[in-house]
Amino acid sequence: MNLYLMQHGPCLPQEVKANQPLTPVGQDQMISAARAMRIMGLWFDALLASPFHPAMQAASIIAEGMGYAPSSVTSFAALRGDTPLKHCLEHLRECERHQSVLLCGEMPLLGALASHLLTSGPKLSLALEGGSLLAISQPRLDGRNGTLRWLLQPGQMQMIAAG
């Protein structure tokens, strides 16, 4: 299975406005990310997003930009940033039948998930800034033997999108 972990784009901090939308910069990043993913030939059997508004908004922009119906994005509570990793992994096992899955979520959960899948040793620290996309090949979600395929930061996504 190929897992693509995407941190939603920039938005106002929770303390400023609860469940806020993406900023205009965040929206532009997601539009560029969708264009870059299309250029890279990516496709997804499932598009899952945290129910947190910026993540759902980001996943919807990605879906639309890649030609998927907006209804193809599934709200997936196990991707909330405060979800315990064990709980997230249990729910993600539902996706093992898929070959390619986009997970649009929040930190710190995305970082913890990537660390768990990629290493059996000490926690791996990854810089997943807003709009980053991380690709992991994972034979089975119950193993810790994933392979890091690549990590693209928002600026790199924008360069790909620009052609």
C-alpha atoms as a PDB file:
ATOM      1  CA  MET A   1       0.000   0.000   0.000  1.00  0.00           C
ATOM      2  CA  ASN A   2       1.142   3.523  -0.721  1.00  0.00           C
ATOM      3  CA  LEU A   3       0.248   6.048   1.944  1.00  0.00           C
ATOM      4  CA  TYR A   4       0.461   9.765   1.236  1.00  0.00           C
ATOM      5  CA  LEU A   5       0.430  11.875   4.392  1.00  0.00           C
ATOM      6  CA  MET A   6      -0.458  15.517   3.861  1.00  0.00           C
ATOM      7  CA  GLN A   7      -0.403  18.214   6.482  1.00  0.00           C
ATOM      8  CA  HIS A   8      -3.198  20.685   5.705  1.00  0.00           C
ATOM      9  CA  GLY A   9      -2.079  24.143   4.603  1.00  0.00           C
ATOM     10  CA  PRO A  10      -1.702  27.210   6.819  1.00  0.00           C
ATOM     11  CA  CYS A  11      -4.661  28.416   8.843  1.00  0.00           C
ATOM     12  CA  LEU A  12      -5.138  30.630  11.882  1.00  0.00           C
ATOM     13  CA  PRO A  13      -4.198  29.049  15.224  1.00  0.00           C
ATOM     14  CA  GLN A  14      -7.034  27.358  17.139  1.00  0.00           C
ATOM     15  CA  GLU A  15      -6.644  29.981  19.858  1.00  0.00           C
ATOM     16  CA  VAL A  16      -7.486  32.758  17.388  1.00  0.00           C
ATOM     17  CA  LYS A  17     -10.505  31.119  15.768  1.00  0.00           C
ATOM     18  CA  ALA A  18     -11.783  27.595  16.400  1.00  0.00           C
ATOM     19  CA  ASN A  19     -12.137  25.296  13.392  1.00  0.00           C
ATOM     20  CA  GLN A  20     -10.987  28.035  11.017  1.00  0.00           C
ATOM     21  CA  PRO A  21     -10.614  27.682   7.243  1.00  0.00           C
ATOM     22  CA  LEU A  22      -7.338  27.660   5.373  1.00  0.00           C
ATOM     23  CA  THR A  23      -5.777  31.051   4.805  1.00  0.00           C
ATOM     24  CA  PRO A  24      -5.578  32.280   1.182  1.00  0.00           C
ATOM     25  CA  VAL A  25      -1.931  31.116   1.208  1.00  0.00           C
ATOM     26  CA  GLY A  26      -3.083  27.691   2.430  1.00  0.00           C
ATOM     27  CA  GLN A  27      -5.700  27.489  -0.319  1.00  0.00           C
ATOM     28  CA  ASP A  28      -3.100  28.413  -2.961  1.00  0.00           C
ATOM     29  CA  GLN A  29      -0.734  25.758  -1.569  1.00  0.00           C
ATOM     30  CA  MET A  30      -3.428  23.097  -1.889  1.00  0.00           C
ATOM     31  CA  ILE A  31      -4.240  24.144  -5.461  1.00  0.00           C
ATOM     32  CA  SER A  32      -0.530  23.889  -6.334  1.00  0.00           C
ATOM     33  CA  ALA A  33      -0.268  20.566  -4.496  1.00  0.00           C
ATOM     34  CA  ALA A  34      -3.168  19.119  -6.518  1.00  0.00           C
ATOM     35  CA  ARG A  35      -1.564  20.304  -9.753  1.00  0.00           C
ATOM     36  CA  ALA A  36       1.785  18.811  -8.706  1.00  0.00           C
ATOM     37  CA  MET A  37       0.162  15.492  -7.758  1.00  0.00           C
ATOM     38  CA  ARG A  38      -1.550  15.365 -11.135  1.00  0.00           C
ATOM     39  CA  ILE A  39       1.765  16.090 -12.918  1.00  0.00           C
ATOM     40  CA  MET A  40       3.449  13.366 -10.842  1.00  0.00           C
ATOM     41  CA  GLY A  41       0.773  10.881 -11.926  1.00  0.00           C
ATOM     42  CA  LEU A  42      -0.519  10.191  -8.418  1.00  0.00           C
ATOM     43  CA  TRP A  43      -3.957   8.683  -7.892  1.00  0.00           C
ATOM     44  CA  PHE A  44      -5.831   7.519  -4.811  1.00  0.00           C
ATOM     45  CA  ASP A  45      -8.251   4.701  -4.030  1.00  0.00           C
ATOM     46  CA  ALA A  46      -9.297   6.596  -0.917  1.00  0.00           C
ATOM     47  CA  LEU A  47      -9.051  10.212   0.239  1.00  0.00           C
ATOM     48  CA  LEU A  48      -9.360  10.473   4.016  1.00  0.00           C
ATOM     49  CA  ALA A  49      -9.282  13.685   6.019  1.00  0.00           C
ATOM     50  CA  SER A  50      -9.437  14.722   9.631  1.00  0.00           C
ATOM     51  CA  PRO A  51     -12.864  16.220  10.393  1.00  0.00           C
ATOM     52  CA  PHE A  52     -10.995  19.410  11.429  1.00  0.00           C
ATOM     53  CA  HIS A  53     -12.167  22.040   8.915  1.00  0.00           C
ATOM     54  CA  PRO A  54      -8.748  22.953   7.415  1.00  0.00           C
ATOM     55  CA  ALA A  55      -7.957  19.288   6.716  1.00  0.00           C
ATOM     56  CA  MET A  56     -11.354  18.654   5.088  1.00  0.00           C
ATOM     57  CA  GLN A  57     -10.998  21.854   3.072  1.00  0.00           C
ATOM     58  CA  ALA A  58      -7.473  20.886   1.959  1.00  0.00           C
ATOM     59  CA  ALA A  59      -8.564  17.378   0.948  1.00  0.00           C
ATOM     60  CA  SER A  60     -11.525  18.807  -0.985  1.00  0.00           C
ATOM     61  CA  ILE A  61      -9.266  21.205  -2.897  1.00  0.00           C
ATOM     62  CA  ILE A  62      -6.894  18.320  -3.688  1.00  0.00           C
ATOM     63  CA  ALA A  63      -9.784  16.098  -4.809  1.00  0.00           C
ATOM     64  CA  GLU A  64     -11.262  18.772  -7.062  1.00  0.00           C
ATOM     65  CA  GLY A  65      -7.864  19.691  -8.527  1.00  0.00           C
ATOM     66  CA  MET A  66      -7.154  16.051  -9.344  1.00  0.00           C
ATOM     67  CA  GLY A  67     -10.556  15.431 -10.938  1.00  0.00           C
ATOM     68  CA  TYR A  68     -12.231  13.493  -8.111  1.00  0.00           C
ATOM     69  CA  ALA A  69     -15.780  14.255  -7.046  1.00  0.00           C
ATOM     70  CA  PRO A  70     -15.913  16.383  -3.879  1.00  0.00           C
ATOM     71  CA  SER A  71     -17.899  13.550  -2.262  1.00  0.00           C
ATOM     72  CA  SER A  72     -14.880  11.255  -2.634  1.00  0.00           C
ATOM     73  CA  VAL A  73     -13.293  12.820   0.475  1.00  0.00           C
ATOM     74  CA  THR A  74     -14.202  10.871   3.615  1.00  0.00           C
ATOM     75  CA  SER A  75     -14.144  12.490   7.037  1.00  0.00           C
ATOM     76  CA  PHE A  76     -11.998  10.169   9.145  1.00  0.00           C
ATOM     77  CA  ALA A  77     -12.081  10.977  12.862  1.00  0.00           C
ATOM     78  CA  ALA A  78      -9.006   8.817  13.529  1.00  0.00           C
ATOM     79  CA  LEU A  79      -6.886  11.485  11.746  1.00  0.00           C
ATOM     80  CA  ARG A  80      -7.567  14.240  14.273  1.00  0.00           C
ATOM     81  CA  GLY A  81      -4.313  15.681  15.612  1.00  0.00           C
ATOM     82  CA  ASP A  82      -5.065  14.642  19.186  1.00  0.00           C
ATOM     83  CA  THR A  83      -5.990  11.023  18.361  1.00  0.00           C
ATOM     84  CA  PRO A  84      -3.814   8.425  20.088  1.00  0.00           C
ATOM     85  CA  LEU A  85      -1.578   6.696  17.544  1.00  0.00           C
ATOM     86  CA  LYS A  86      -2.824   3.225  18.494  1.00  0.00           C
ATOM     87  CA  HIS A  87      -6.427   4.283  17.842  1.00  0.00           C
ATOM     88  CA  CYS A  88      -5.476   5.800  14.475  1.00  0.00           C
ATOM     89  CA  LEU A  89      -3.662   2.617  13.389  1.00  0.00           C
ATOM     90  CA  GLU A  90      -6.620   0.432  14.384  1.00  0.00           C
ATOM     91  CA  HIS A  91      -8.953   2.482  12.194  1.00  0.00           C
ATOM     92  CA  LEU A  92      -6.500   2.748   9.299  1.00  0.00           C
ATOM     93  CA  ARG A  93      -6.489  -1.054   8.987  1.00  0.00           C
ATOM     94  CA  GLU A  94      -9.829  -0.585   7.222  1.00  0.00           C
ATOM     95  CA  CYS A  95      -7.770   0.864   4.343  1.00  0.00           C
ATOM     96  CA  GLU A  96      -5.458  -2.110   3.824  1.00  0.00           C
ATOM     97  CA  ARG A  97      -7.556  -3.259   0.852  1.00  0.00           C
ATOM     98  CA  HIS A  98      -6.567  -0.081  -0.997  1.00  0.00           C
ATOM     99  CA  GLN A  99      -3.405   0.363  -3.012  1.00  0.00           C
ATOM    100  CA  SER A 100      -3.065   4.140  -2.686  1.00  0.00           C
ATOM    101  CA  VAL A 101      -4.484   6.298   0.131  1.00  0.00           C
ATOM    102  CA  LEU A 102      -4.225  10.038   0.813  1.00  0.00           C
ATOM    103  CA  LEU A 103      -4.371  10.927   4.513  1.00  0.00           C
ATOM    104  CA  CYS A 104      -4.912  14.645   5.032  1.00  0.00           C
ATOM    105  CA  GLY A 105      -4.541  15.477   8.665  1.00  0.00           C
ATOM    106  CA  GLU A 106      -2.855  17.326  11.454  1.00  0.00           C
ATOM    107  CA  MET A 107       0.285  17.341  13.500  1.00  0.00           C
ATOM    108  CA  PRO A 108       1.360  15.858  15.806  1.00  0.00           C
ATOM    109  CA  LEU A 109      -0.527  12.727  14.699  1.00  0.00           C
ATOM    110  CA  LEU A 110       0.875  12.672  11.146  1.00  0.00           C
ATOM    111  CA  GLY A 111       4.447  12.869  12.445  1.00  0.00           C
ATOM    112  CA  ALA A 112       3.820  10.118  14.989  1.00  0.00           C
ATOM    113  CA  LEU A 113       2.198   7.933  12.325  1.00  0.00           C
ATOM    114  CA  ALA A 114       5.110   8.394   9.923  1.00  0.00           C
ATOM    115  CA  SER A 115       7.615   7.671  12.685  1.00  0.00           C
ATOM    116  CA  HIS A 116       5.773   4.506  13.692  1.00  0.00           C
ATOM    117  CA  LEU A 117       5.560   3.197  10.123  1.00  0.00           C
ATOM    118  CA  LEU A 118       9.161   3.986   9.218  1.00  0.00           C
ATOM    119  CA  THR A 119      11.153   2.891  12.249  1.00  0.00           C
ATOM    120  CA  SER A 120      11.058   0.363  15.025  1.00  0.00           C
ATOM    121  CA  GLY A 121      13.659   2.281  16.997  1.00  0.00           C
ATOM    122  CA  PRO A 122      13.563   5.703  18.622  1.00  0.00           C
ATOM    123  CA  LYS A 123      10.965   8.177  17.477  1.00  0.00           C
ATOM    124  CA  LEU A 124      11.784   9.722  14.117  1.00  0.00           C
ATOM    125  CA  SER A 125      11.323  13.477  13.887  1.00  0.00           C
ATOM    126  CA  LEU A 126       9.955  14.757  10.567  1.00  0.00           C
ATOM    127  CA  ALA A 127       9.334  18.365   9.596  1.00  0.00           C
ATOM    128  CA  LEU A 128       5.871  18.264   8.071  1.00  0.00           C
ATOM    129  CA  GLU A 129       5.002  21.900   7.628  1.00  0.00           C
ATOM    130  CA  GLY A 130       1.601  22.921   6.332  1.00  0.00           C
ATOM    131  CA  GLY A 131       1.160  21.690   2.761  1.00  0.00           C
ATOM    132  CA  SER A 132       3.876  19.013   2.966  1.00  0.00           C
ATOM    133  CA  LEU A 133       3.316  15.629   1.316  1.00  0.00           C
ATOM    134  CA  LEU A 134       5.070  12.470   2.522  1.00  0.00           C
ATOM    135  CA  ALA A 135       4.969   9.191   0.565  1.00  0.00           C
ATOM    136  CA  ILE A 136       5.422   5.878   2.380  1.00  0.00           C
ATOM    137  CA  SER A 137       5.236   2.351   0.939  1.00  0.00           C
ATOM    138  CA  GLN A 138       3.832   0.099   3.620  1.00  0.00           C
ATOM    139  CA  PRO A 139       3.326  -3.652   3.093  1.00  0.00           C
ATOM    140  CA  ARG A 140       0.997  -3.979   6.123  1.00  0.00           C
ATOM    141  CA  LEU A 141      -0.147  -1.460   8.701  1.00  0.00           C
ATOM    142  CA  ASP A 142       0.588  -3.827  11.585  1.00  0.00           C
ATOM    143  CA  GLY A 143       4.305  -3.779  10.719  1.00  0.00           C
ATOM    144  CA  ARG A 144       6.922  -1.119  11.264  1.00  0.00           C
ATOM    145  CA  ASN A 145       8.664  -1.745   7.988  1.00  0.00           C
ATOM    146  CA  GLY A 146       7.551   1.110   5.797  1.00  0.00           C
ATOM    147  CA  THR A 147       9.795   2.663   3.185  1.00  0.00           C
ATOM    148  CA  LEU A 148      10.108   6.425   2.881  1.00  0.00           C
ATOM    149  CA  ARG A 149       9.660   7.129  -0.823  1.00  0.00           C
ATOM    150  CA  TRP A 150       9.905  10.925  -0.630  1.00  0.00           C
ATOM    151  CA  LEU A 151       8.942  14.061   1.256  1.00  0.00           C
ATOM    152  CA  LEU A 152       8.003  17.228  -0.603  1.00  0.00           C
ATOM    153  CA  GLN A 153       7.677  20.572   1.146  1.00  0.00           C
ATOM    154  CA  PRO A 154       5.184  23.199  -0.120  1.00  0.00           C
ATOM    155  CA  GLY A 155       7.814  25.126  -2.102  1.00  0.00           C
ATOM    156  CA  GLN A 156       8.847  21.963  -3.911  1.00  0.00           C
ATOM    157  CA  MET A 157       5.200  21.175  -4.693  1.00  0.00           C
ATOM    158  CA  GLN A 158       4.797  24.681  -6.122  1.00  0.00           C
ATOM    159  CA  MET A 159       7.900  24.213  -8.324  1.00  0.00           C
ATOM    160  CA  ILE A 160       6.501  20.952  -9.702  1.00  0.00           C
ATOM    161  CA  ALA A 161       3.108  22.577 -10.288  1.00  0.00           C
ATOM    162  CA  ALA A 162       4.739  25.477 -12.170  1.00  0.00           C
ATOM    163  CA  GLY A 163       6.311  23.006 -14.593  1.00  0.00           C
END
